[in-house]
Amino acid sequence: MIAGGPAAAAGFKVGDVILSVDERQIQDGQQLLAILRQMQPGSVVRMRVRRGGAELELSVVLGKQRLGN
């Protein structure tokens, strides 16, 4: 996670597991990337995450993809 990036601004923490994006279930990282690549920077998406034993929903404003990271 990039300090000050969109994930950090939305409240993500290291170890959070993304379960869904806008109510679309996520099975793996490949699927997550495929969904996010279809969206425009500046879009707001709802992500359901598992943190420890709890599930919560975070709203994320998507940024531009950073190449090389």
C-alpha atoms as a PDB file:
ATOM      1  CA  MET A   1       0.000   0.000   0.000  1.00  0.00           C
ATOM      2  CA  ILE A   2       1.277   3.453  -0.879  1.00  0.00           C
ATOM      3  CA  ALA A   3       1.306   5.985   1.964  1.00  0.00           C
ATOM      4  CA  GLY A   4      -1.156   8.738   1.084  1.00  0.00           C
ATOM      5  CA  GLY A   5      -2.572   6.704  -1.835  1.00  0.00           C
ATOM      6  CA  PRO A   6      -6.252   5.957  -2.480  1.00  0.00           C
ATOM      7  CA  ALA A   7      -6.281   2.744  -0.418  1.00  0.00           C
ATOM      8  CA  ALA A   8      -4.710   4.434   2.593  1.00  0.00           C
ATOM      9  CA  ALA A   9      -7.077   7.414   2.247  1.00  0.00           C
ATOM     10  CA  ALA A  10     -10.054   5.020   2.224  1.00  0.00           C
ATOM     11  CA  GLY A  11      -8.919   3.401   5.475  1.00  0.00           C
ATOM     12  CA  PHE A  12      -7.403   0.152   4.217  1.00  0.00           C
ATOM     13  CA  LYS A  13      -4.925  -1.519   6.530  1.00  0.00           C
ATOM     14  CA  VAL A  14      -2.164  -4.017   5.751  1.00  0.00           C
ATOM     15  CA  GLY A  15      -3.692  -7.484   5.946  1.00  0.00           C
ATOM     16  CA  ASP A  16      -7.197  -6.477   4.806  1.00  0.00           C
ATOM     17  CA  VAL A  17      -8.690  -9.024   2.400  1.00  0.00           C
ATOM     18  CA  ILE A  18     -10.907  -7.633  -0.382  1.00  0.00           C
ATOM     19  CA  LEU A  19     -14.083  -9.702  -0.659  1.00  0.00           C
ATOM     20  CA  SER A  20     -16.092  -7.652  -3.169  1.00  0.00           C
ATOM     21  CA  VAL A  21     -16.043  -4.546  -5.342  1.00  0.00           C
ATOM     22  CA  ASP A  22     -19.425  -2.880  -5.915  1.00  0.00           C
ATOM     23  CA  GLU A  23     -21.061  -6.151  -4.809  1.00  0.00           C
ATOM     24  CA  ARG A  24     -19.060  -8.262  -7.304  1.00  0.00           C
ATOM     25  CA  GLN A  25     -17.379 -11.084  -5.385  1.00  0.00           C
ATOM     26  CA  ILE A  26     -13.593 -11.253  -5.717  1.00  0.00           C
ATOM     27  CA  GLN A  27     -11.992 -14.689  -6.010  1.00  0.00           C
ATOM     28  CA  ASP A  28      -8.363 -13.629  -6.532  1.00  0.00           C
ATOM     29  CA  GLY A  29      -6.026 -10.758  -7.361  1.00  0.00           C
ATOM     30  CA  GLN A  30      -6.334 -11.287 -11.123  1.00  0.00           C
ATOM     31  CA  GLN A  31     -10.096 -10.806 -10.961  1.00  0.00           C
ATOM     32  CA  LEU A  32      -9.708  -7.717  -8.766  1.00  0.00           C
ATOM     33  CA  LEU A  33      -7.312  -6.118 -11.251  1.00  0.00           C
ATOM     34  CA  ALA A  34      -9.576  -6.965 -14.204  1.00  0.00           C
ATOM     35  CA  ILE A  35     -12.544  -5.258 -12.521  1.00  0.00           C
ATOM     36  CA  LEU A  36     -10.565  -2.175 -11.491  1.00  0.00           C
ATOM     37  CA  ARG A  37      -9.043  -1.766 -14.968  1.00  0.00           C
ATOM     38  CA  GLN A  38     -12.573  -1.360 -16.376  1.00  0.00           C
ATOM     39  CA  MET A  39     -13.164   1.669 -14.139  1.00  0.00           C
ATOM     40  CA  GLN A  40     -12.050   5.252 -14.589  1.00  0.00           C
ATOM     41  CA  PRO A  41      -9.750   7.170 -12.226  1.00  0.00           C
ATOM     42  CA  GLY A  42     -11.897   9.286  -9.922  1.00  0.00           C
ATOM     43  CA  SER A  43     -14.654   6.645  -9.747  1.00  0.00           C
ATOM     44  CA  VAL A  44     -15.909   5.824  -6.277  1.00  0.00           C
ATOM     45  CA  VAL A  45     -16.253   2.104  -5.570  1.00  0.00           C
ATOM     46  CA  ARG A  46     -17.484   0.224  -2.518  1.00  0.00           C
ATOM     47  CA  MET A  47     -15.200  -2.531  -1.323  1.00  0.00           C
ATOM     48  CA  ARG A  48     -16.155  -5.088   1.294  1.00  0.00           C
ATOM     49  CA  VAL A  49     -13.103  -6.265   3.204  1.00  0.00           C
ATOM     50  CA  ARG A  50     -12.300  -8.750   5.949  1.00  0.00           C
ATOM     51  CA  ARG A  51     -10.186  -7.339   8.733  1.00  0.00           C
ATOM     52  CA  GLY A  52      -9.424  -9.876  11.410  1.00  0.00           C
ATOM     53  CA  GLY A  53     -12.746 -11.555  12.149  1.00  0.00           C
ATOM     54  CA  ALA A  54     -14.934  -8.656  11.003  1.00  0.00           C
ATOM     55  CA  GLU A  55     -16.223  -7.519   7.617  1.00  0.00           C
ATOM     56  CA  LEU A  56     -16.542  -3.846   6.764  1.00  0.00           C
ATOM     57  CA  GLU A  57     -17.255  -1.687   3.744  1.00  0.00           C
ATOM     58  CA  LEU A  58     -14.895   1.027   2.538  1.00  0.00           C
ATOM     59  CA  SER A  59     -15.491   3.630  -0.185  1.00  0.00           C
ATOM     60  CA  VAL A  60     -12.463   4.168  -2.406  1.00  0.00           C
ATOM     61  CA  VAL A  61     -11.835   6.947  -4.919  1.00  0.00           C
ATOM     62  CA  LEU A  62      -9.767   5.240  -7.623  1.00  0.00           C
ATOM     63  CA  GLY A  63      -6.481   6.807  -8.639  1.00  0.00           C
ATOM     64  CA  LYS A  64      -4.438   6.386 -11.803  1.00  0.00           C
ATOM     65  CA  GLN A  65      -2.522   3.154 -12.218  1.00  0.00           C
ATOM     66  CA  ARG A  66       1.115   3.579 -11.283  1.00  0.00           C
ATOM     67  CA  LEU A  67       3.395   1.683 -13.637  1.00  0.00           C
ATOM     68  CA  GLY A  68       6.343  -0.174 -12.188  1.00  0.00           C
ATOM     69  CA  ASN A  69       4.733  -0.827  -8.786  1.00  0.00           C
END
